[in-house]
Amino acid sequence: MQKAAAINLRIEPGIKTRLEKLAKATNRSKSFIVGNALESYLDVNEWQIKGIQEALQEAESPTAEWISHDELKAKWETKRVQMA
């Protein structure tokens, strides 16, 4: 297991207070809570950026297929009527 790395950060006093209250209520360290929060944030944002990059790559591909807004809207409305 790798040794944890230390970082310094500045946070608003209100966030610090909330963090301290949560740490006390959950019997966890502030470092544990911040580490988990940061990992969750990174997971979501890395996933989103990866999806955007893949979509851009697909859109820039010579085999990309495009549909006009009006065609897409008509398809969507047809499916919506069929579901009703």
PDB file of N, CA and C in Angstrom:
ATOM      1  N   MET A   1       0.857  -1.193   0.000  1.00  0.00           N
ATOM      2  CA  MET A   1       0.000   0.000   0.000  1.00  0.00           C
ATOM      3  C   MET A   1       0.888   1.235   0.000  1.00  0.00           C
ATOM      4  N   GLN A   2       0.549   2.174  -0.876  1.00  0.00           N
ATOM      5  CA  GLN A   2       1.322   3.406  -0.964  1.00  0.00           C
ATOM      6  C   GLN A   2       1.002   4.328   0.203  1.00  0.00           C
ATOM      7  N   LYS A   3       2.008   5.074   0.604  1.00  0.00           N
ATOM      8  CA  LYS A   3       1.806   6.066   1.648  1.00  0.00           C
ATOM      9  C   LYS A   3       0.958   7.208   1.088  1.00  0.00           C
ATOM     10  N   ALA A   4       0.039   7.707   1.871  1.00  0.00           N
ATOM     11  CA  ALA A   4      -0.826   8.797   1.439  1.00  0.00           C
ATOM     12  C   ALA A   4      -0.006  10.066   1.225  1.00  0.00           C
ATOM     13  N   ALA A   5      -0.370  10.821   0.223  1.00  0.00           N
ATOM     14  CA  ALA A   5       0.282  12.085  -0.063  1.00  0.00           C
ATOM     15  C   ALA A   5      -0.470  13.217   0.631  1.00  0.00           C
ATOM     16  N   ALA A   6       0.256  14.205   1.054  1.00  0.00           N
ATOM     17  CA  ALA A   6      -0.354  15.352   1.729  1.00  0.00           C
ATOM     18  C   ALA A   6      -0.539  16.498   0.731  1.00  0.00           C
ATOM     19  N   ILE A   7      -1.645  17.207   0.888  1.00  0.00           N
ATOM     20  CA  ILE A   7      -1.869  18.431   0.113  1.00  0.00           C
ATOM     21  C   ILE A   7      -2.407  19.496   1.062  1.00  0.00           C
ATOM     22  N   ASN A   8      -2.231  20.726   0.687  1.00  0.00           N
ATOM     23  CA  ASN A   8      -2.793  21.849   1.442  1.00  0.00           C
ATOM     24  C   ASN A   8      -3.863  22.494   0.585  1.00  0.00           C
ATOM     25  N   LEU A   9      -4.956  22.900   1.221  1.00  0.00           N
ATOM     26  CA  LEU A   9      -5.986  23.601   0.474  1.00  0.00           C
ATOM     27  C   LEU A   9      -6.674  24.609   1.368  1.00  0.00           C
ATOM     28  N   ARG A  10      -7.223  25.597   0.740  1.00  0.00           N
ATOM     29  CA  ARG A  10      -7.978  26.625   1.467  1.00  0.00           C
ATOM     30  C   ARG A  10      -9.457  26.417   1.157  1.00  0.00           C
ATOM     31  N   ILE A  11     -10.249  26.442   2.221  1.00  0.00           N
ATOM     32  CA  ILE A  11     -11.697  26.287   2.072  1.00  0.00           C
ATOM     33  C   ILE A  11     -12.396  27.381   2.875  1.00  0.00           C
ATOM     34  N   GLU A  12     -13.618  27.636   2.506  1.00  0.00           N
ATOM     35  CA  GLU A  12     -14.415  28.628   3.217  1.00  0.00           C
ATOM     36  C   GLU A  12     -14.667  28.145   4.651  1.00  0.00           C
ATOM     37  N   PRO A  13     -14.743  29.068   5.602  1.00  0.00           N
ATOM     38  CA  PRO A  13     -14.974  28.666   6.998  1.00  0.00           C
ATOM     39  C   PRO A  13     -16.235  27.823   7.192  1.00  0.00           C
ATOM     40  N   GLY A  14     -17.284  28.139   6.443  1.00  0.00           N
ATOM     41  CA  GLY A  14     -18.523  27.364   6.573  1.00  0.00           C
ATOM     42  C   GLY A  14     -18.352  25.914   6.129  1.00  0.00           C
ATOM     43  N   ILE A  15     -17.565  25.706   5.079  1.00  0.00           N
ATOM     44  CA  ILE A  15     -17.302  24.345   4.610  1.00  0.00           C
ATOM     45  C   ILE A  15     -16.465  23.597   5.637  1.00  0.00           C
ATOM     46  N   LYS A  16     -15.506  24.300   6.240  1.00  0.00           N
ATOM     47  CA  LYS A  16     -14.665  23.677   7.276  1.00  0.00           C
ATOM     48  C   LYS A  16     -15.522  23.225   8.451  1.00  0.00           C
ATOM     49  N   THR A  17     -16.447  24.080   8.859  1.00  0.00           N
ATOM     50  CA  THR A  17     -17.339  23.736   9.965  1.00  0.00           C
ATOM     51  C   THR A  17     -18.184  22.515   9.626  1.00  0.00           C
ATOM     52  N   ARG A  18     -18.723  22.489   8.413  1.00  0.00           N
ATOM     53  CA  ARG A  18     -19.536  21.338   7.993  1.00  0.00           C
ATOM     54  C   ARG A  18     -18.694  20.065   7.963  1.00  0.00           C
ATOM     55  N   LEU A  19     -17.476  20.180   7.463  1.00  0.00           N
ATOM     56  CA  LEU A  19     -16.573  19.035   7.407  1.00  0.00           C
ATOM     57  C   LEU A  19     -16.285  18.503   8.804  1.00  0.00           C
ATOM     58  N   GLU A  20     -15.998  19.406   9.728  1.00  0.00           N
ATOM     59  CA  GLU A  20     -15.717  18.996  11.112  1.00  0.00           C
ATOM     60  C   GLU A  20     -16.922  18.312  11.744  1.00  0.00           C
ATOM     61  N   LYS A  21     -18.115  18.851  11.503  1.00  0.00           N
ATOM     62  CA  LYS A  21     -19.338  18.239  12.050  1.00  0.00           C
ATOM     63  C   LYS A  21     -19.568  16.843  11.470  1.00  0.00           C
ATOM     64  N   LEU A  22     -19.363  16.715  10.150  1.00  0.00           N
ATOM     65  CA  LEU A  22     -19.556  15.409   9.510  1.00  0.00           C
ATOM     66  C   LEU A  22     -18.528  14.407  10.009  1.00  0.00           C
ATOM     67  N   ALA A  23     -17.288  14.837  10.147  1.00  0.00           N
ATOM     68  CA  ALA A  23     -16.234  13.950  10.650  1.00  0.00           C
ATOM     69  C   ALA A  23     -16.580  13.448  12.045  1.00  0.00           C
ATOM     70  N   LYS A  24     -17.035  14.348  12.888  1.00  0.00           N
ATOM     71  CA  LYS A  24     -17.404  13.963  14.259  1.00  0.00           C
ATOM     72  C   LYS A  24     -18.607  13.020  14.261  1.00  0.00           C
ATOM     73  N   ALA A  25     -19.630  13.350  13.460  1.00  0.00           N
ATOM     74  CA  ALA A  25     -20.853  12.543  13.433  1.00  0.00           C
ATOM     75  C   ALA A  25     -20.620  11.146  12.882  1.00  0.00           C
ATOM     76  N   THR A  26     -19.675  11.010  11.959  1.00  0.00           N
ATOM     77  CA  THR A  26     -19.421   9.707  11.330  1.00  0.00           C
ATOM     78  C   THR A  26     -18.217   8.984  11.941  1.00  0.00           C
ATOM     79  N   ASN A  27     -17.584   9.643  12.914  1.00  0.00           N
ATOM     80  CA  ASN A  27     -16.393   9.079  13.558  1.00  0.00           C
ATOM     81  C   ASN A  27     -15.304   8.774  12.518  1.00  0.00           C
ATOM     82  N   ARG A  28     -15.161   9.672  11.572  1.00  0.00           N
ATOM     83  CA  ARG A  28     -14.131   9.562  10.526  1.00  0.00           C
ATOM     84  C   ARG A  28     -13.246  10.793  10.598  1.00  0.00           C
ATOM     85  N   SER A  29     -12.069  10.675  10.045  1.00  0.00           N
ATOM     86  CA  SER A  29     -11.181  11.837  10.007  1.00  0.00           C
ATOM     87  C   SER A  29     -11.610  12.780   8.887  1.00  0.00           C
ATOM     88  N   LYS A  30     -11.227  14.031   9.029  1.00  0.00           N
ATOM     89  CA  LYS A  30     -11.501  15.002   7.972  1.00  0.00           C
ATOM     90  C   LYS A  30     -10.783  14.580   6.693  1.00  0.00           C
ATOM     91  N   SER A  31      -9.589  14.045   6.828  1.00  0.00           N
ATOM     92  CA  SER A  31      -8.835  13.588   5.650  1.00  0.00           C
ATOM     93  C   SER A  31      -9.572  12.472   4.924  1.00  0.00           C
ATOM     94  N   PHE A  32     -10.157  11.554   5.676  1.00  0.00           N
ATOM     95  CA  PHE A  32     -10.909  10.460   5.070  1.00  0.00           C
ATOM     96  C   PHE A  32     -12.082  11.007   4.267  1.00  0.00           C
ATOM     97  N   ILE A  33     -12.832  11.920   4.877  1.00  0.00           N
ATOM     98  CA  ILE A  33     -14.017  12.474   4.207  1.00  0.00           C
ATOM     99  C   ILE A  33     -13.621  13.268   2.966  1.00  0.00           C
ATOM    100  N   VAL A  34     -12.611  14.119   3.076  1.00  0.00           N
ATOM    101  CA  VAL A  34     -12.168  14.914   1.932  1.00  0.00           C
ATOM    102  C   VAL A  34     -11.620  14.001   0.839  1.00  0.00           C
ATOM    103  N   GLY A  35     -10.874  12.972   1.215  1.00  0.00           N
ATOM    104  CA  GLY A  35     -10.344  12.030   0.232  1.00  0.00           C
ATOM    105  C   GLY A  35     -11.456  11.326  -0.530  1.00  0.00           C
ATOM    106  N   ASN A  36     -12.480  10.869   0.196  1.00  0.00           N
ATOM    107  CA  ASN A  36     -13.616  10.208  -0.470  1.00  0.00           C
ATOM    108  C   ASN A  36     -14.382  11.180  -1.362  1.00  0.00           C
ATOM    109  N   ALA A  37     -14.585  12.385  -0.885  1.00  0.00           N
ATOM    110  CA  ALA A  37     -15.302  13.387  -1.685  1.00  0.00           C
ATOM    111  C   ALA A  37     -14.522  13.712  -2.952  1.00  0.00           C
ATOM    112  N   LEU A  38     -13.215  13.867  -2.820  1.00  0.00           N
ATOM    113  CA  LEU A  38     -12.381  14.188  -3.976  1.00  0.00           C
ATOM    114  C   LEU A  38     -12.367  13.032  -4.973  1.00  0.00           C
ATOM    115  N   GLU A  39     -12.300  11.819  -4.468  1.00  0.00           N
ATOM    116  CA  GLU A  39     -12.329  10.654  -5.363  1.00  0.00           C
ATOM    117  C   GLU A  39     -13.650  10.579  -6.122  1.00  0.00           C
ATOM    118  N   SER A  40     -14.763  10.811  -5.441  1.00  0.00           N
ATOM    119  CA  SER A  40     -16.073  10.803  -6.104  1.00  0.00           C
ATOM    120  C   SER A  40     -16.151  11.897  -7.160  1.00  0.00           C
ATOM    121  N   TYR A  41     -15.675  13.073  -6.833  1.00  0.00           N
ATOM    122  CA  TYR A  41     -15.670  14.188  -7.780  1.00  0.00           C
ATOM    123  C   TYR A  41     -14.844  13.846  -9.015  1.00  0.00           C
ATOM    124  N   LEU A  42     -13.657  13.296  -8.793  1.00  0.00           N
ATOM    125  CA  LEU A  42     -12.790  12.928  -9.912  1.00  0.00           C
ATOM    126  C   LEU A  42     -13.425  11.838 -10.769  1.00  0.00           C
ATOM    127  N   ASP A  43     -14.031  10.831 -10.137  1.00  0.00           N
ATOM    128  CA  ASP A  43     -14.677   9.748 -10.881  1.00  0.00           C
ATOM    129  C   ASP A  43     -15.740  10.304 -11.832  1.00  0.00           C
ATOM    130  N   VAL A  44     -16.600  11.159 -11.318  1.00  0.00           N
ATOM    131  CA  VAL A  44     -17.692  11.712 -12.127  1.00  0.00           C
ATOM    132  C   VAL A  44     -17.147  12.586 -13.249  1.00  0.00           C
ATOM    133  N   ASN A  45     -16.212  13.458 -12.919  1.00  0.00           N
ATOM    134  CA  ASN A  45     -15.701  14.385 -13.921  1.00  0.00           C
ATOM    135  C   ASN A  45     -14.823  13.700 -14.956  1.00  0.00           C
ATOM    136  N   GLU A  46     -14.030  12.720 -14.551  1.00  0.00           N
ATOM    137  CA  GLU A  46     -13.238  11.967 -15.523  1.00  0.00           C
ATOM    138  C   GLU A  46     -14.149  11.189 -16.462  1.00  0.00           C
ATOM    139  N   TRP A  47     -15.221  10.610 -15.921  1.00  0.00           N
ATOM    140  CA  TRP A  47     -16.188   9.879 -16.739  1.00  0.00           C
ATOM    141  C   TRP A  47     -16.833  10.823 -17.753  1.00  0.00           C
ATOM    142  N   GLN A  48     -17.212  12.002 -17.283  1.00  0.00           N
ATOM    143  CA  GLN A  48     -17.870  12.969 -18.164  1.00  0.00           C
ATOM    144  C   GLN A  48     -16.919  13.444 -19.262  1.00  0.00           C
ATOM    145  N   ILE A  49     -15.699  13.787 -18.905  1.00  0.00           N
ATOM    146  CA  ILE A  49     -14.727  14.251 -19.891  1.00  0.00           C
ATOM    147  C   ILE A  49     -14.424  13.158 -20.902  1.00  0.00           C
ATOM    148  N   LYS A  50     -14.290  11.922 -20.445  1.00  0.00           N
ATOM    149  CA  LYS A  50     -14.042  10.800 -21.356  1.00  0.00           C
ATOM    150  C   LYS A  50     -15.195  10.668 -22.354  1.00  0.00           C
ATOM    151  N   GLY A  51     -16.426  10.772 -21.863  1.00  0.00           N
ATOM    152  CA  GLY A  51     -17.591  10.692 -22.738  1.00  0.00           C
ATOM    153  C   GLY A  51     -17.617  11.805 -23.762  1.00  0.00           C
ATOM    154  N   ILE A  52     -17.278  13.009 -23.338  1.00  0.00           N
ATOM    155  CA  ILE A  52     -17.239  14.142 -24.256  1.00  0.00           C
ATOM    156  C   ILE A  52     -16.168  13.928 -25.317  1.00  0.00           C
ATOM    157  N   GLN A  53     -14.986  13.483 -24.893  1.00  0.00           N
ATOM    158  CA  GLN A  53     -13.896  13.248 -25.847  1.00  0.00           C
ATOM    159  C   GLN A  53     -14.265  12.155 -26.848  1.00  0.00           C
ATOM    160  N   GLU A  54     -14.915  11.089 -26.371  1.00  0.00           N
ATOM    161  CA  GLU A  54     -15.336  10.016 -27.281  1.00  0.00           C
ATOM    162  C   GLU A  54     -16.384  10.523 -28.262  1.00  0.00           C
ATOM    163  N   ALA A  55     -17.327  11.344 -27.786  1.00  0.00           N
ATOM    164  CA  ALA A  55     -18.364  11.886 -28.664  1.00  0.00           C
ATOM    165  C   ALA A  55     -17.762  12.818 -29.713  1.00  0.00           C
ATOM    166  N   LEU A  56     -16.798  13.626 -29.304  1.00  0.00           N
ATOM    167  CA  LEU A  56     -16.136  14.511 -30.260  1.00  0.00           C
ATOM    168  C   LEU A  56     -15.366  13.713 -31.307  1.00  0.00           C
ATOM    169  N   GLN A  57     -14.705  12.666 -30.847  1.00  0.00           N
ATOM    170  CA  GLN A  57     -13.966  11.812 -31.783  1.00  0.00           C
ATOM    171  C   GLN A  57     -14.931  11.175 -32.782  1.00  0.00           C
ATOM    172  N   GLU A  58     -16.067  10.710 -32.295  1.00  0.00           N
ATOM    173  CA  GLU A  58     -17.070  10.105 -33.174  1.00  0.00           C
ATOM    174  C   GLU A  58     -17.636  11.144 -34.140  1.00  0.00           C
ATOM    175  N   ALA A  59     -17.894  12.342 -33.639  1.00  0.00           N
ATOM    176  CA  ALA A  59     -18.461  13.400 -34.487  1.00  0.00           C
ATOM    177  C   ALA A  59     -17.484  13.837 -35.571  1.00  0.00           C
ATOM    178  N   GLU A  60     -16.205  13.799 -35.273  1.00  0.00           N
ATOM    179  CA  GLU A  60     -15.185  14.215 -36.238  1.00  0.00           C
ATOM    180  C   GLU A  60     -14.788  13.091 -37.197  1.00  0.00           C
ATOM    181  N   SER A  61     -15.318  11.899 -36.959  1.00  0.00           N
ATOM    182  CA  SER A  61     -15.002  10.749 -37.800  1.00  0.00           C
ATOM    183  C   SER A  61     -15.606  10.923 -39.195  1.00  0.00           C
ATOM    184  N   PRO A  62     -14.909  10.452 -40.225  1.00  0.00           N
ATOM    185  CA  PRO A  62     -15.469  10.560 -41.579  1.00  0.00           C
ATOM    186  C   PRO A  62     -16.740   9.718 -41.761  1.00  0.00           C
ATOM    187  N   THR A  63     -16.964   8.768 -40.868  1.00  0.00           N
ATOM    188  CA  THR A  63     -18.161   7.920 -40.978  1.00  0.00           C
ATOM    189  C   THR A  63     -19.322   8.428 -40.119  1.00  0.00           C
ATOM    190  N   ALA A  64     -19.142   9.602 -39.520  1.00  0.00           N
ATOM    191  CA  ALA A  64     -20.198  10.153 -38.665  1.00  0.00           C
ATOM    192  C   ALA A  64     -21.465  10.392 -39.483  1.00  0.00           C
ATOM    193  N   GLU A  65     -22.592  10.054 -38.881  1.00  0.00           N
ATOM    194  CA  GLU A  65     -23.884  10.284 -39.526  1.00  0.00           C
ATOM    195  C   GLU A  65     -24.588  11.421 -38.810  1.00  0.00           C
ATOM    196  N   TRP A  66     -25.139  12.328 -39.582  1.00  0.00           N
ATOM    197  CA  TRP A  66     -25.796  13.499 -39.025  1.00  0.00           C
ATOM    198  C   TRP A  66     -27.261  13.511 -39.424  1.00  0.00           C
ATOM    199  N   ILE A  67     -28.072  14.096 -38.559  1.00  0.00           N
ATOM    200  CA  ILE A  67     -29.502  14.228 -38.815  1.00  0.00           C
ATOM    201  C   ILE A  67     -29.893  15.658 -38.445  1.00  0.00           C
ATOM    202  N   SER A  68     -30.793  16.235 -39.193  1.00  0.00           N
ATOM    203  CA  SER A  68     -31.197  17.616 -38.909  1.00  0.00           C
ATOM    204  C   SER A  68     -32.079  17.643 -37.656  1.00  0.00           C
ATOM    205  N   HIS A  69     -32.158  18.812 -37.077  1.00  0.00           N
ATOM    206  CA  HIS A  69     -32.988  18.982 -35.893  1.00  0.00           C
ATOM    207  C   HIS A  69     -34.446  18.620 -36.192  1.00  0.00           C
ATOM    208  N   ASP A  70     -34.938  19.063 -37.328  1.00  0.00           N
ATOM    209  CA  ASP A  70     -36.330  18.787 -37.692  1.00  0.00           C
ATOM    210  C   ASP A  70     -36.586  17.285 -37.845  1.00  0.00           C
ATOM    211  N   GLU A  71     -35.637  16.570 -38.470  1.00  0.00           N
ATOM    212  CA  GLU A  71     -35.791  15.116 -38.621  1.00  0.00           C
ATOM    213  C   GLU A  71     -35.793  14.420 -37.262  1.00  0.00           C
ATOM    214  N   LEU A  72     -34.892  14.842 -36.392  1.00  0.00           N
ATOM    215  CA  LEU A  72     -34.812  14.248 -35.062  1.00  0.00           C
ATOM    216  C   LEU A  72     -36.087  14.514 -34.271  1.00  0.00           C
ATOM    217  N   LYS A  73     -36.573  15.732 -34.344  1.00  0.00           N
ATOM    218  CA  LYS A  73     -37.805  16.100 -33.650  1.00  0.00           C
ATOM    219  C   LYS A  73     -38.980  15.273 -34.160  1.00  0.00           C
ATOM    220  N   ALA A  74     -39.068  15.093 -35.459  1.00  0.00           N
ATOM    221  CA  ALA A  74     -40.150  14.300 -36.044  1.00  0.00           C
ATOM    222  C   ALA A  74     -40.069  12.850 -35.578  1.00  0.00           C
ATOM    223  N   LYS A  75     -38.863  12.292 -35.544  1.00  0.00           N
ATOM    224  CA  LYS A  75     -38.690  10.913 -35.060  1.00  0.00           C
ATOM    225  C   LYS A  75     -39.123  10.795 -33.606  1.00  0.00           C
ATOM    226  N   TRP A  76     -38.705  11.759 -32.800  1.00  0.00           N
ATOM    227  CA  TRP A  76     -39.024  11.738 -31.385  1.00  0.00           C
ATOM    228  C   TRP A  76     -40.526  11.845 -31.165  1.00  0.00           C
ATOM    229  N   GLU A  77     -41.174  12.729 -31.898  1.00  0.00           N
ATOM    230  CA  GLU A  77     -42.610  12.916 -31.746  1.00  0.00           C
ATOM    231  C   GLU A  77     -43.368  11.675 -32.212  1.00  0.00           C
ATOM    232  N   THR A  78     -42.905  11.005 -33.263  1.00  0.00           N
ATOM    233  CA  THR A  78     -43.536   9.776 -33.748  1.00  0.00           C
ATOM    234  C   THR A  78     -43.457   8.706 -32.675  1.00  0.00           C
ATOM    235  N   LYS A  79     -42.270   8.539 -32.062  1.00  0.00           N
ATOM    236  CA  LYS A  79     -42.101   7.534 -31.018  1.00  0.00           C
ATOM    237  C   LYS A  79     -42.952   7.867 -29.802  1.00  0.00           C
ATOM    238  N   ARG A  80     -43.033   9.146 -29.467  1.00  0.00           N
ATOM    239  CA  ARG A  80     -43.825   9.567 -28.313  1.00  0.00           C
ATOM    240  C   ARG A  80     -45.303   9.247 -28.521  1.00  0.00           C
ATOM    241  N   VAL A  81     -45.804   9.452 -29.722  1.00  0.00           N
ATOM    242  CA  VAL A  81     -47.203   9.149 -30.034  1.00  0.00           C
ATOM    243  C   VAL A  81     -47.430   7.652 -29.969  1.00  0.00           C
ATOM    244  N   GLN A  82     -46.474   6.851 -30.465  1.00  0.00           N
ATOM    245  CA  GLN A  82     -46.611   5.408 -30.454  1.00  0.00           C
ATOM    246  C   GLN A  82     -46.622   4.866 -29.022  1.00  0.00           C
ATOM    247  N   MET A  83     -45.918   5.509 -28.122  1.00  0.00           N
ATOM    248  CA  MET A  83     -45.857   5.046 -26.724  1.00  0.00           C
ATOM    249  C   MET A  83     -47.128   5.391 -25.962  1.00  0.00           C
ATOM    250  N   ALA A  84     -47.834   6.410 -26.399  1.00  0.00           N
ATOM    251  CA  ALA A  84     -49.026   6.865 -25.672  1.00  0.00           C
ATOM    252  C   ALA A  84     -50.206   5.933 -25.857  1.00  0.00           C
TER     253      ALA A  84
END
